[in-house]
């Protein structure tokens, strides 16, 4: 699955890497420019996005995510 401009998300832990951003881990650690990802326990994305909680709720400047870390939407979203 691809989310954001150049972000790639995969795996159960929500590993994500792209142009200038990547995230990892169960808690949904995220940092980068336009990368979005989601995993088992955490969702994260984007430029000025925030991620928190076990359910993977995250929201920020470029987009938002919701649900059990299953859906992520960003500025340049792909589905």
C-alpha atoms as a PDB file:
ATOM      1  CA  UNK A   1       0.000   0.000   0.000  1.00  0.00           C
ATOM      2  CA  UNK A   2       1.128   3.490  -0.736  1.00  0.00           C
ATOM      3  CA  UNK A   3       0.238   6.541   1.278  1.00  0.00           C
ATOM      4  CA  UNK A   4       1.374  10.097   0.847  1.00  0.00           C
ATOM      5  CA  UNK A   5       3.789  11.329  -1.737  1.00  0.00           C
ATOM      6  CA  UNK A   6       6.546   8.816  -1.473  1.00  0.00           C
ATOM      7  CA  UNK A   7       5.743   6.793   1.612  1.00  0.00           C
ATOM      8  CA  UNK A   8       5.523   3.046   1.693  1.00  0.00           C
ATOM      9  CA  UNK A   9       3.805   1.239   4.520  1.00  0.00           C
ATOM     10  CA  UNK A  10       4.073  -2.453   5.202  1.00  0.00           C
ATOM     11  CA  UNK A  11       4.103  -5.095   7.904  1.00  0.00           C
ATOM     12  CA  UNK A  12       2.351  -5.501  11.195  1.00  0.00           C
ATOM     13  CA  UNK A  13       4.519  -3.062  13.085  1.00  0.00           C
ATOM     14  CA  UNK A  14       3.820  -0.328  10.577  1.00  0.00           C
ATOM     15  CA  UNK A  15       7.221   0.191   9.057  1.00  0.00           C
ATOM     16  CA  UNK A  16       7.242   3.061   6.642  1.00  0.00           C
ATOM     17  CA  UNK A  17       9.845   4.741   4.516  1.00  0.00           C
ATOM     18  CA  UNK A  18       9.770   7.187   1.651  1.00  0.00           C
ATOM     19  CA  UNK A  19      11.392  10.278   0.287  1.00  0.00           C
ATOM     20  CA  UNK A  20      12.272  11.962   3.543  1.00  0.00           C
ATOM     21  CA  UNK A  21      10.223  10.228   6.172  1.00  0.00           C
ATOM     22  CA  UNK A  22       9.794   6.911   7.873  1.00  0.00           C
ATOM     23  CA  UNK A  23       8.260   5.430  10.967  1.00  0.00           C
ATOM     24  CA  UNK A  24       8.562   2.283  12.962  1.00  0.00           C
ATOM     25  CA  UNK A  25       7.463   0.470  16.085  1.00  0.00           C
ATOM     26  CA  UNK A  26       4.257  -0.359  17.838  1.00  0.00           C
ATOM     27  CA  UNK A  27       3.632   3.070  19.257  1.00  0.00           C
ATOM     28  CA  UNK A  28       3.628   4.681  15.829  1.00  0.00           C
ATOM     29  CA  UNK A  29       6.780   6.757  15.897  1.00  0.00           C
ATOM     30  CA  UNK A  30       6.818   9.035  12.916  1.00  0.00           C
ATOM     31  CA  UNK A  31       8.977  11.715  11.440  1.00  0.00           C
ATOM     32  CA  UNK A  32       9.502  12.964   7.926  1.00  0.00           C
ATOM     33  CA  UNK A  33       8.173  15.147   5.199  1.00  0.00           C
ATOM     34  CA  UNK A  34       5.362  13.490   3.323  1.00  0.00           C
ATOM     35  CA  UNK A  35       5.349   9.872   4.388  1.00  0.00           C
ATOM     36  CA  UNK A  36       2.307   8.102   5.734  1.00  0.00           C
ATOM     37  CA  UNK A  37       2.050   4.702   7.309  1.00  0.00           C
ATOM     38  CA  UNK A  38      -0.025   2.606   9.605  1.00  0.00           C
ATOM     39  CA  UNK A  39       0.577  -0.583  11.514  1.00  0.00           C
ATOM     40  CA  UNK A  40      -0.607  -2.756  14.318  1.00  0.00           C
ATOM     41  CA  UNK A  41      -0.656  -0.183  17.082  1.00  0.00           C
ATOM     42  CA  UNK A  42       0.242   3.152  15.596  1.00  0.00           C
ATOM     43  CA  UNK A  43      -0.516   5.414  12.689  1.00  0.00           C
ATOM     44  CA  UNK A  44       1.620   8.290  11.607  1.00  0.00           C
ATOM     45  CA  UNK A  45       2.171  10.599   8.716  1.00  0.00           C
ATOM     46  CA  UNK A  46       3.382  13.653   7.344  1.00  0.00           C
ATOM     47  CA  UNK A  47       4.877  17.016   7.598  1.00  0.00           C
ATOM     48  CA  UNK A  48       3.366  18.309  10.810  1.00  0.00           C
ATOM     49  CA  UNK A  49       1.354  15.271  11.794  1.00  0.00           C
ATOM     50  CA  UNK A  50       0.961  13.788  15.219  1.00  0.00           C
ATOM     51  CA  UNK A  51       0.520  10.167  16.196  1.00  0.00           C
ATOM     52  CA  UNK A  52      -0.489   8.713  19.508  1.00  0.00           C
ATOM     53  CA  UNK A  53      -2.387   5.930  21.243  1.00  0.00           C
ATOM     54  CA  UNK A  54      -2.822   2.240  20.692  1.00  0.00           C
ATOM     55  CA  UNK A  55      -5.649   2.751  18.243  1.00  0.00           C
ATOM     56  CA  UNK A  56      -3.347   4.755  15.997  1.00  0.00           C
ATOM     57  CA  UNK A  57      -5.194   8.036  15.915  1.00  0.00           C
ATOM     58  CA  UNK A  58      -3.160  10.716  14.242  1.00  0.00           C
ATOM     59  CA  UNK A  59      -3.822  14.119  12.846  1.00  0.00           C
ATOM     60  CA  UNK A  60      -1.877  17.107  11.598  1.00  0.00           C
ATOM     61  CA  UNK A  61      -1.439  19.715   8.970  1.00  0.00           C
ATOM     62  CA  UNK A  62      -1.445  17.592   5.878  1.00  0.00           C
ATOM     63  CA  UNK A  63      -4.127  15.068   6.741  1.00  0.00           C
ATOM     64  CA  UNK A  64      -5.574  12.701   9.289  1.00  0.00           C
ATOM     65  CA  UNK A  65      -6.022   9.062  10.133  1.00  0.00           C
ATOM     66  CA  UNK A  66      -8.584   7.155  12.085  1.00  0.00           C
ATOM     67  CA  UNK A  67      -9.634   3.676  13.160  1.00  0.00           C
ATOM     68  CA  UNK A  68      -7.377   0.878  14.330  1.00  0.00           C
ATOM     69  CA  UNK A  69      -4.411   2.101  12.350  1.00  0.00           C
ATOM     70  CA  UNK A  70      -6.051   0.799   9.219  1.00  0.00           C
ATOM     71  CA  UNK A  71      -6.799   4.025   7.414  1.00  0.00           C
ATOM     72  CA  UNK A  72      -4.484   6.921   6.723  1.00  0.00           C
ATOM     73  CA  UNK A  73      -5.149   9.981   4.657  1.00  0.00           C
ATOM     74  CA  UNK A  74      -2.659  12.651   3.715  1.00  0.00           C
ATOM     75  CA  UNK A  75      -2.130  15.601   1.486  1.00  0.00           C
ATOM     76  CA  UNK A  76      -1.149  13.619  -1.553  1.00  0.00           C
ATOM     77  CA  UNK A  77      -3.016  10.451  -0.770  1.00  0.00           C
ATOM     78  CA  UNK A  78      -3.005   7.343  -2.890  1.00  0.00           C
ATOM     79  CA  UNK A  79      -5.352   4.426  -2.500  1.00  0.00           C
END
